[in-house]
N, C-alpha and C. Protein backbone atom coordinates (compact mmCIF):
# COMPACT_ATOMS: atom_id res chain seq x y z
N UNK A 1 71.58 132.91 70.34
CA UNK A 1 71.27 133.01 71.75
C UNK A 1 71.42 131.66 72.43
N UNK A 2 70.91 130.64 71.78
CA UNK A 2 70.97 129.32 72.36
C UNK A 2 72.42 128.87 72.53
N UNK A 3 73.24 129.19 71.54
CA UNK A 3 74.66 128.82 71.60
C UNK A 3 75.36 129.60 72.71
N UNK A 4 74.99 130.82 72.89
CA UNK A 4 75.60 131.63 73.95
C UNK A 4 75.32 131.03 75.32
N UNK A 5 74.07 130.58 75.52
CA UNK A 5 73.74 129.95 76.80
C UNK A 5 74.49 128.64 76.97
N UNK A 6 74.59 127.87 75.91
CA UNK A 6 75.31 126.59 75.97
C UNK A 6 76.78 126.82 76.33
N UNK A 7 77.43 127.77 75.63
CA UNK A 7 78.83 128.06 75.92
C UNK A 7 78.99 128.65 77.33
N UNK A 8 78.06 129.47 77.73
CA UNK A 8 78.08 130.03 79.08
C UNK A 8 77.95 128.95 80.13
N UNK A 9 77.04 127.99 79.85
CA UNK A 9 76.84 126.88 80.78
C UNK A 9 78.09 126.01 80.84
N UNK A 10 78.69 125.71 79.70
CA UNK A 10 79.92 124.91 79.66
C UNK A 10 81.06 125.63 80.39
N UNK A 11 81.16 126.92 80.16
CA UNK A 11 82.21 127.70 80.82
C UNK A 11 82.00 127.71 82.33
N UNK A 12 80.77 127.82 82.77
CA UNK A 12 80.46 127.81 84.19
C UNK A 12 80.82 126.46 84.81
N UNK A 13 80.46 125.37 84.12
CA UNK A 13 80.79 124.03 84.62
C UNK A 13 82.31 123.85 84.68
N UNK A 14 83.01 124.31 83.68
CA UNK A 14 84.47 124.20 83.63
C UNK A 14 85.09 124.95 84.81
N UNK A 15 84.63 126.17 85.05
CA UNK A 15 85.15 126.97 86.18
C UNK A 15 84.87 126.28 87.51
N UNK A 16 83.68 125.71 87.64
CA UNK A 16 83.31 125.02 88.87
C UNK A 16 84.21 123.79 89.09
N UNK A 17 84.39 122.99 88.05
CA UNK A 17 85.23 121.79 88.16
C UNK A 17 86.69 122.16 88.40
N UNK A 18 87.15 123.22 87.76
CA UNK A 18 88.52 123.68 87.97
C UNK A 18 88.71 124.14 89.41
N UNK A 19 87.74 124.86 89.94
CA UNK A 19 87.81 125.31 91.33
C UNK A 19 87.82 124.13 92.30
N UNK A 20 87.00 123.12 92.02
CA UNK A 20 86.96 121.93 92.88
C UNK A 20 88.28 121.18 92.81
N UNK A 21 88.86 121.10 91.63
CA UNK A 21 90.16 120.41 91.46
C UNK A 21 91.26 121.16 92.21
N UNK A 22 91.26 122.47 92.14
CA UNK A 22 92.26 123.28 92.86
C UNK A 22 92.09 123.08 94.36
N UNK A 23 90.85 123.02 94.84
CA UNK A 23 90.60 122.82 96.26
C UNK A 23 91.11 121.45 96.72
N UNK A 24 90.88 120.42 95.92
CA UNK A 24 91.37 119.08 96.25
C UNK A 24 92.89 119.06 96.28
N UNK A 25 93.52 119.70 95.30
CA UNK A 25 94.99 119.76 95.27
C UNK A 25 95.53 120.50 96.48
N UNK A 26 94.87 121.56 96.91
CA UNK A 26 95.32 122.32 98.08
C UNK A 26 95.24 121.46 99.34
N UNK A 27 94.16 120.69 99.49
CA UNK A 27 94.01 119.80 100.63
C UNK A 27 95.09 118.72 100.60
N UNK A 28 95.34 118.13 99.42
CA UNK A 28 96.39 117.12 99.28
C UNK A 28 97.76 117.69 99.62
N UNK A 29 98.03 118.90 99.19
CA UNK A 29 99.31 119.55 99.47
C UNK A 29 99.46 119.81 100.97
N UNK A 30 98.39 120.25 101.62
CA UNK A 30 98.44 120.50 103.06
C UNK A 30 98.68 119.19 103.82
N UNK A 31 98.04 118.11 103.39
CA UNK A 31 98.25 116.81 104.03
C UNK A 31 99.69 116.33 103.83
N UNK A 32 100.23 116.54 102.65
CA UNK A 32 101.61 116.14 102.38
C UNK A 32 102.59 116.92 103.25
N UNK A 33 102.35 118.23 103.41
CA UNK A 33 103.21 119.04 104.29
C UNK A 33 103.12 118.54 105.73
N UNK A 34 101.93 118.25 106.19
CA UNK A 34 101.75 117.77 107.57
C UNK A 34 102.40 116.40 107.76
N UNK A 35 102.36 115.56 106.75
CA UNK A 35 102.96 114.23 106.83
C UNK A 35 104.48 114.30 106.90
N UNK A 36 105.07 115.39 106.44
CA UNK A 36 106.53 115.53 106.43
C UNK A 36 107.07 116.13 107.73
N UNK A 37 106.21 116.53 108.66
CA UNK A 37 106.65 117.14 109.91
C UNK A 37 107.14 116.05 110.86
N UNK A 38 108.39 116.19 111.31
CA UNK A 38 108.97 115.22 112.23
C UNK A 38 108.68 115.62 113.68
N UNK A 39 108.96 114.71 114.59
CA UNK A 39 108.81 115.02 116.01
C UNK A 39 109.70 116.20 116.37
N UNK A 40 110.92 116.22 115.86
CA UNK A 40 111.83 117.33 116.12
C UNK A 40 111.23 118.65 115.62
N UNK A 41 110.70 118.65 114.38
CA UNK A 41 110.06 119.85 113.83
C UNK A 41 108.92 120.32 114.72
N UNK A 42 108.14 119.39 115.20
CA UNK A 42 106.99 119.72 116.04
C UNK A 42 107.45 120.34 117.36
N UNK A 43 108.54 119.78 117.93
CA UNK A 43 109.06 120.30 119.19
C UNK A 43 109.69 121.67 119.03
N UNK A 44 110.23 121.96 117.84
CA UNK A 44 110.79 123.28 117.59
C UNK A 44 109.73 124.37 117.68
N UNK A 45 108.48 123.99 117.45
CA UNK A 45 107.38 124.96 117.53
C UNK A 45 106.81 125.06 118.94
N UNK A 46 107.42 124.35 119.90
CA UNK A 46 106.94 124.37 121.28
C UNK A 46 108.02 124.90 122.20
N UNK A 47 107.65 125.68 123.15
CA UNK A 47 108.56 126.13 124.20
C UNK A 47 107.74 126.35 125.44
N UNK A 48 107.91 125.52 126.41
CA UNK A 48 107.13 125.60 127.63
C UNK A 48 107.29 124.31 128.37
N UNK A 49 106.23 123.83 128.97
CA UNK A 49 106.29 122.64 129.78
C UNK A 49 105.80 121.43 129.00
N UNK A 50 106.55 120.33 129.12
CA UNK A 50 106.16 119.08 128.49
C UNK A 50 106.35 117.96 129.49
N UNK A 51 105.46 116.99 129.44
CA UNK A 51 105.63 115.76 130.19
C UNK A 51 106.15 114.74 129.19
N UNK A 52 107.28 114.13 129.53
CA UNK A 52 107.96 113.21 128.61
C UNK A 52 108.02 111.83 129.25
N UNK A 53 107.60 110.83 128.50
CA UNK A 53 107.72 109.43 128.96
C UNK A 53 108.84 108.80 128.16
N UNK A 54 109.83 108.22 128.86
CA UNK A 54 110.98 107.63 128.18
C UNK A 54 110.83 106.11 128.08
N UNK A 55 111.70 105.53 127.28
CA UNK A 55 111.67 104.09 127.05
C UNK A 55 111.91 103.28 128.31
N UNK A 56 112.67 103.82 129.26
CA UNK A 56 112.94 103.11 130.50
C UNK A 56 111.82 103.29 131.52
N UNK A 57 110.75 103.98 131.13
CA UNK A 57 109.60 104.13 132.01
C UNK A 57 109.60 105.36 132.88
N UNK A 58 110.55 106.26 132.69
CA UNK A 58 110.57 107.49 133.49
C UNK A 58 109.57 108.48 132.91
N UNK A 59 108.89 109.19 133.78
CA UNK A 59 108.01 110.28 133.37
C UNK A 59 108.61 111.56 133.91
N UNK A 60 108.98 112.46 133.00
CA UNK A 60 109.67 113.70 133.36
C UNK A 60 108.79 114.89 133.04
N UNK A 61 108.75 115.83 133.94
CA UNK A 61 108.05 117.10 133.68
C UNK A 61 109.14 118.14 133.47
N UNK A 62 109.26 118.61 132.23
CA UNK A 62 110.36 119.47 131.85
C UNK A 62 109.88 120.79 131.29
N UNK A 63 110.65 121.82 131.53
CA UNK A 63 110.48 123.10 130.84
C UNK A 63 111.43 123.03 129.65
N UNK A 64 110.90 122.96 128.45
CA UNK A 64 111.73 122.79 127.27
C UNK A 64 112.72 123.94 127.17
N UNK A 65 114.01 123.59 127.11
CA UNK A 65 115.07 124.60 127.01
C UNK A 65 115.65 124.64 125.60
N UNK A 66 115.79 123.48 124.97
CA UNK A 66 116.39 123.43 123.63
C UNK A 66 116.01 122.13 122.97
N UNK A 67 116.00 122.16 121.64
CA UNK A 67 115.76 120.98 120.83
C UNK A 67 116.88 120.92 119.81
N UNK A 68 117.59 119.81 119.79
CA UNK A 68 118.70 119.65 118.85
C UNK A 68 118.30 118.76 117.69
N UNK A 69 119.29 118.31 116.97
CA UNK A 69 119.03 117.46 115.81
C UNK A 69 118.33 116.17 116.17
N UNK A 70 118.69 115.57 117.31
CA UNK A 70 118.08 114.30 117.73
C UNK A 70 117.93 114.22 119.25
N UNK A 71 117.74 115.36 119.89
CA UNK A 71 117.59 115.39 121.35
C UNK A 71 116.70 116.54 121.79
N UNK A 72 116.30 116.43 123.04
CA UNK A 72 115.47 117.43 123.71
C UNK A 72 116.12 117.69 125.07
N UNK A 73 116.24 118.94 125.47
CA UNK A 73 116.78 119.27 126.79
C UNK A 73 115.77 120.13 127.52
N UNK A 74 115.71 119.93 128.83
CA UNK A 74 114.79 120.73 129.61
C UNK A 74 115.17 120.77 131.07
N UNK A 75 114.63 121.79 131.75
CA UNK A 75 114.83 121.94 133.18
C UNK A 75 113.71 121.21 133.90
N UNK A 76 114.08 120.40 134.88
CA UNK A 76 113.09 119.73 135.69
C UNK A 76 112.52 120.72 136.70
N UNK A 77 111.26 120.55 137.06
CA UNK A 77 110.65 121.44 138.04
C UNK A 77 111.29 121.23 139.41
N UNK A 78 111.82 120.04 139.66
CA UNK A 78 112.48 119.76 140.93
C UNK A 78 113.93 120.23 140.93
N UNK A 79 114.41 120.74 139.81
CA UNK A 79 115.79 121.20 139.70
C UNK A 79 116.60 120.27 138.82
N UNK A 80 117.64 120.79 138.24
CA UNK A 80 118.49 119.99 137.37
C UNK A 80 118.04 120.09 135.92
N UNK A 81 118.90 119.64 135.06
CA UNK A 81 118.64 119.65 133.63
C UNK A 81 118.72 118.24 133.11
N UNK A 82 117.89 117.92 132.12
CA UNK A 82 117.85 116.58 131.55
C UNK A 82 118.00 116.68 130.04
N UNK A 83 118.84 115.81 129.50
CA UNK A 83 119.05 115.68 128.06
C UNK A 83 118.50 114.33 127.65
N UNK A 84 117.51 114.32 126.75
CA UNK A 84 116.84 113.08 126.35
C UNK A 84 116.99 112.89 124.85
N UNK A 85 117.57 111.77 124.42
CA UNK A 85 117.61 111.52 122.97
C UNK A 85 116.18 111.26 122.48
N UNK A 86 115.83 111.80 121.33
CA UNK A 86 114.47 111.62 120.81
C UNK A 86 114.15 110.14 120.59
N UNK A 87 115.17 109.33 120.36
CA UNK A 87 114.93 107.90 120.17
C UNK A 87 114.45 107.23 121.45
N UNK A 88 114.66 107.85 122.62
CA UNK A 88 114.21 107.28 123.89
C UNK A 88 112.82 107.76 124.28
N UNK A 89 112.25 108.69 123.54
CA UNK A 89 110.93 109.25 123.88
C UNK A 89 109.83 108.28 123.46
N UNK A 90 109.00 107.89 124.43
CA UNK A 90 107.82 107.06 124.14
C UNK A 90 106.65 107.94 123.73
N UNK A 91 106.47 109.03 124.46
CA UNK A 91 105.44 110.02 124.13
C UNK A 91 105.74 111.32 124.86
N UNK A 92 105.13 112.39 124.38
CA UNK A 92 105.22 113.71 125.00
C UNK A 92 103.83 114.28 125.12
N UNK A 93 103.60 115.00 126.20
CA UNK A 93 102.35 115.74 126.35
C UNK A 93 102.73 117.19 126.58
N UNK A 94 102.33 118.05 125.66
CA UNK A 94 102.63 119.47 125.79
C UNK A 94 101.57 120.14 126.65
N UNK A 95 102.03 120.90 127.63
CA UNK A 95 101.13 121.64 128.50
C UNK A 95 100.68 122.91 127.76
N UNK A 96 99.62 123.57 128.23
CA UNK A 96 99.11 124.75 127.53
C UNK A 96 100.14 125.86 127.31
N UNK A 97 101.13 125.96 128.20
CA UNK A 97 102.12 127.03 128.04
C UNK A 97 103.19 126.70 127.00
N UNK A 98 103.12 125.55 126.37
CA UNK A 98 104.18 125.10 125.45
C UNK A 98 103.92 125.49 124.00
N UNK A 99 102.97 126.32 123.73
CA UNK A 99 102.62 126.64 122.35
C UNK A 99 103.31 127.88 121.83
N UNK A 100 104.44 128.26 122.42
CA UNK A 100 105.21 129.40 121.93
C UNK A 100 106.43 128.90 121.18
N UNK A 101 106.96 129.74 120.33
CA UNK A 101 108.18 129.40 119.59
C UNK A 101 109.40 129.63 120.47
N UNK A 102 110.34 128.68 120.50
CA UNK A 102 111.57 128.90 121.26
C UNK A 102 112.48 129.88 120.54
N UNK A 103 113.26 130.62 121.29
CA UNK A 103 114.19 131.58 120.69
C UNK A 103 115.41 130.86 120.12
N UNK A 104 115.82 129.77 120.76
CA UNK A 104 117.03 129.06 120.37
C UNK A 104 116.66 127.83 119.55
N UNK A 105 117.31 127.63 118.43
CA UNK A 105 117.02 126.48 117.58
C UNK A 105 118.30 125.73 117.22
N UNK A 106 118.99 125.14 118.20
CA UNK A 106 120.22 124.43 117.88
C UNK A 106 119.92 123.17 117.08
N UNK A 107 120.88 122.78 116.24
CA UNK A 107 120.70 121.57 115.45
C UNK A 107 121.79 120.55 115.77
N UNK A 108 122.53 120.77 116.84
CA UNK A 108 123.59 119.84 117.24
C UNK A 108 122.99 118.47 117.52
N UNK A 109 123.78 117.45 117.28
CA UNK A 109 123.33 116.08 117.55
C UNK A 109 123.46 115.76 119.03
N UNK A 110 122.86 114.65 119.42
CA UNK A 110 122.94 114.16 120.80
C UNK A 110 124.41 113.97 121.19
N UNK A 111 125.21 113.39 120.30
CA UNK A 111 126.63 113.17 120.59
C UNK A 111 127.35 114.50 120.83
N UNK A 112 127.04 115.53 120.05
CA UNK A 112 127.68 116.84 120.25
C UNK A 112 127.27 117.46 121.59
N UNK A 113 126.01 117.29 121.98
CA UNK A 113 125.56 117.81 123.27
C UNK A 113 126.30 117.08 124.40
N UNK A 114 126.50 115.77 124.26
CA UNK A 114 127.25 115.01 125.26
C UNK A 114 128.72 115.44 125.28
N UNK A 115 129.29 115.73 124.12
CA UNK A 115 130.68 116.19 124.06
C UNK A 115 130.84 117.52 124.80
N UNK A 116 129.82 118.37 124.74
CA UNK A 116 129.87 119.63 125.47
C UNK A 116 129.89 119.37 126.98
N UNK A 117 129.09 118.41 127.44
CA UNK A 117 129.11 118.04 128.86
C UNK A 117 130.48 117.48 129.25
N UNK A 118 131.09 116.69 128.36
CA UNK A 118 132.43 116.14 128.62
C UNK A 118 133.45 117.27 128.69
N UNK A 119 133.38 118.22 127.78
CA UNK A 119 134.32 119.34 127.75
C UNK A 119 134.23 120.16 129.03
N UNK A 120 133.01 120.35 129.54
CA UNK A 120 132.81 121.14 130.75
C UNK A 120 133.06 120.34 132.03
N UNK A 121 133.31 119.01 131.87
CA UNK A 121 133.58 118.12 133.01
C UNK A 121 132.41 118.12 134.00
N UNK A 122 131.21 118.17 133.48
CA UNK A 122 130.00 118.20 134.29
C UNK A 122 129.68 116.81 134.83
N UNK A 123 129.54 116.64 136.14
CA UNK A 123 129.12 115.34 136.68
C UNK A 123 127.68 115.05 136.26
N UNK A 124 127.43 113.83 135.80
CA UNK A 124 126.12 113.46 135.27
C UNK A 124 125.65 112.12 135.82
N UNK A 125 124.36 111.89 135.66
CA UNK A 125 123.76 110.58 135.87
C UNK A 125 123.30 110.12 134.50
N UNK A 126 123.73 108.96 134.07
CA UNK A 126 123.32 108.41 132.77
C UNK A 126 122.27 107.33 133.04
N UNK A 127 121.04 107.61 132.66
CA UNK A 127 119.96 106.65 132.91
C UNK A 127 119.86 105.68 131.74
N UNK A 128 119.95 104.41 132.07
CA UNK A 128 119.80 103.34 131.10
C UNK A 128 118.51 102.59 131.46
N UNK A 129 118.19 101.56 130.73
CA UNK A 129 116.96 100.82 131.01
C UNK A 129 116.97 100.20 132.40
N UNK A 130 118.14 99.75 132.87
CA UNK A 130 118.18 99.03 134.15
C UNK A 130 119.26 99.52 135.11
N UNK A 131 119.87 100.65 134.85
CA UNK A 131 120.93 101.15 135.72
C UNK A 131 121.06 102.66 135.57
N UNK A 132 121.75 103.30 136.53
CA UNK A 132 121.95 104.75 136.50
C UNK A 132 123.34 105.09 137.02
N UNK A 133 124.38 104.79 136.27
CA UNK A 133 125.71 105.13 136.74
C UNK A 133 125.91 106.65 136.75
N UNK A 134 126.73 107.12 137.68
CA UNK A 134 127.03 108.54 137.79
C UNK A 134 128.53 108.76 137.62
N UNK A 135 128.88 109.91 137.13
CA UNK A 135 130.29 110.23 136.97
C UNK A 135 130.48 111.35 135.99
N UNK A 136 131.62 111.32 135.30
CA UNK A 136 131.98 112.35 134.34
C UNK A 136 132.21 111.70 132.99
N UNK A 137 131.67 112.31 131.96
CA UNK A 137 131.88 111.79 130.60
C UNK A 137 133.31 112.15 130.19
N UNK A 138 134.12 111.10 129.96
CA UNK A 138 135.51 111.33 129.55
C UNK A 138 135.61 111.58 128.05
N UNK A 139 134.72 110.98 127.28
CA UNK A 139 134.76 111.17 125.84
C UNK A 139 133.52 110.59 125.19
N UNK A 140 133.27 111.06 123.96
CA UNK A 140 132.11 110.58 123.21
C UNK A 140 132.60 110.19 121.83
N UNK A 141 132.42 108.93 121.48
CA UNK A 141 132.79 108.44 120.16
C UNK A 141 131.65 108.59 119.19
N UNK A 142 131.76 107.91 118.06
CA UNK A 142 130.73 107.98 117.03
C UNK A 142 129.41 107.38 117.51
N UNK A 143 129.48 106.34 118.35
CA UNK A 143 128.25 105.65 118.76
C UNK A 143 128.22 105.28 120.24
N UNK A 144 129.14 105.81 121.04
CA UNK A 144 129.18 105.46 122.46
C UNK A 144 129.82 106.60 123.26
N UNK A 145 129.68 106.50 124.58
CA UNK A 145 130.39 107.42 125.46
C UNK A 145 131.18 106.62 126.48
N UNK A 146 132.26 107.24 126.98
CA UNK A 146 133.07 106.68 128.06
C UNK A 146 132.70 107.45 129.31
N UNK A 147 132.18 106.76 130.31
CA UNK A 147 131.77 107.40 131.55
C UNK A 147 132.69 106.94 132.68
N UNK A 148 133.45 107.87 133.25
CA UNK A 148 134.27 107.59 134.43
C UNK A 148 133.34 107.62 135.63
N UNK A 149 133.09 106.47 136.21
CA UNK A 149 132.11 106.35 137.30
C UNK A 149 132.76 106.77 138.62
N UNK A 150 132.10 107.74 139.27
CA UNK A 150 132.53 108.23 140.58
C UNK A 150 131.34 108.95 141.21
N UNK A 151 131.37 109.14 142.53
CA UNK A 151 130.28 109.90 143.17
C UNK A 151 130.22 111.32 142.58
N UNK A 152 129.03 111.80 142.26
CA UNK A 152 128.91 113.11 141.62
C UNK A 152 129.31 114.26 142.53
N UNK A 153 129.29 114.02 143.83
CA UNK A 153 129.70 115.10 144.74
C UNK A 153 131.23 115.27 144.78
N UNK A 154 131.97 114.33 144.22
CA UNK A 154 133.43 114.41 144.15
C UNK A 154 133.86 114.81 142.74
N UNK A 155 134.94 115.60 142.64
CA UNK A 155 135.45 115.90 141.30
C UNK A 155 136.03 114.65 140.65
N UNK A 156 136.12 114.66 139.35
CA UNK A 156 136.65 113.51 138.62
C UNK A 156 138.17 113.45 138.84
N UNK A 157 138.59 112.56 139.69
CA UNK A 157 140.01 112.29 139.96
C UNK A 157 140.22 110.80 139.79
N UNK A 158 141.38 110.41 139.34
CA UNK A 158 141.65 108.98 139.16
C UNK A 158 141.39 108.19 140.44
N UNK A 159 141.69 108.80 141.58
CA UNK A 159 141.49 108.10 142.86
C UNK A 159 140.01 107.88 143.19
N UNK A 160 139.12 108.70 142.62
CA UNK A 160 137.69 108.58 142.90
C UNK A 160 136.97 107.67 141.90
N UNK A 161 137.60 107.41 140.75
CA UNK A 161 136.97 106.61 139.70
C UNK A 161 136.98 105.13 140.09
N UNK A 162 135.79 104.52 140.08
CA UNK A 162 135.67 103.10 140.43
C UNK A 162 135.58 102.21 139.20
N UNK A 163 135.22 102.78 138.06
CA UNK A 163 135.11 102.00 136.81
C UNK A 163 134.93 102.96 135.65
N UNK A 164 135.12 102.47 134.47
CA UNK A 164 134.81 103.24 133.26
C UNK A 164 133.80 102.42 132.46
N UNK A 165 132.66 103.02 132.24
CA UNK A 165 131.61 102.36 131.47
C UNK A 165 131.68 102.84 130.03
N UNK A 166 131.53 101.92 129.10
CA UNK A 166 131.37 102.24 127.68
C UNK A 166 129.90 102.02 127.37
N UNK A 167 129.19 103.10 127.05
CA UNK A 167 127.74 103.04 126.90
C UNK A 167 127.34 103.40 125.47
N UNK A 168 126.68 102.48 124.74
CA UNK A 168 126.19 102.84 123.41
C UNK A 168 125.17 103.98 123.51
N UNK A 169 125.32 104.98 122.65
CA UNK A 169 124.41 106.14 122.68
C UNK A 169 122.96 105.71 122.50
N UNK A 170 122.71 104.70 121.70
CA UNK A 170 121.33 104.27 121.43
C UNK A 170 120.66 103.65 122.65
N UNK A 171 121.45 103.30 123.67
CA UNK A 171 120.90 102.70 124.89
C UNK A 171 120.62 103.73 125.99
N UNK A 172 121.03 104.96 125.77
CA UNK A 172 120.84 105.99 126.79
C UNK A 172 119.39 106.48 126.79
N UNK A 173 118.78 106.44 127.96
CA UNK A 173 117.40 106.91 128.12
C UNK A 173 117.38 108.41 128.37
N UNK A 174 118.31 108.90 129.18
CA UNK A 174 118.41 110.32 129.48
C UNK A 174 119.70 110.56 130.25
N UNK A 175 120.13 111.81 130.26
CA UNK A 175 121.31 112.23 131.01
C UNK A 175 120.88 113.41 131.87
N UNK A 176 121.18 113.33 133.16
CA UNK A 176 120.74 114.35 134.10
C UNK A 176 121.96 114.95 134.80
N UNK A 177 121.90 116.26 135.06
CA UNK A 177 122.96 116.93 135.82
C UNK A 177 122.37 118.11 136.56
N UNK A 178 123.09 118.57 137.57
CA UNK A 178 122.67 119.75 138.34
C UNK A 178 123.40 120.95 137.79
N UNK A 179 122.71 122.08 137.80
CA UNK A 179 123.33 123.33 137.31
C UNK A 179 124.02 124.07 138.40
């Protein structure tokens, strides 16, 4: 009888310690999963309104439209669409309506999104830290874009182009255009 109680007590302690160890491992695993979530991953779980602060000091209120591999796009409440590289984001504040999953989950890079604007010949404003040239993106290289500078109300014609800017992609704060 005494041995039965001893073995029962040992078995009970073992089960208790095993349960505590499993609980600790589960917490550690959950923390590891949370630590692996990127800003992009977090934004993929949001669809709604976000306030975005960029490196150049702009504060944008956007309705999240799409999240790519390294960019965020959204419609401004005042009109127009903005493409922001995630590297230019200082912080984001998600509004209460932003806790829904988006239907579209593109993984295109910022350069590919810019190439689409170039293909469509969309007049844009390219916001940099200290300037905002406007025009049409003529091409996008591996690490830069060529912007034919002209008034956005005019179509891209050689006669309207006043300069061609070569802009490193890493220096772009945001790209804005009207729909």
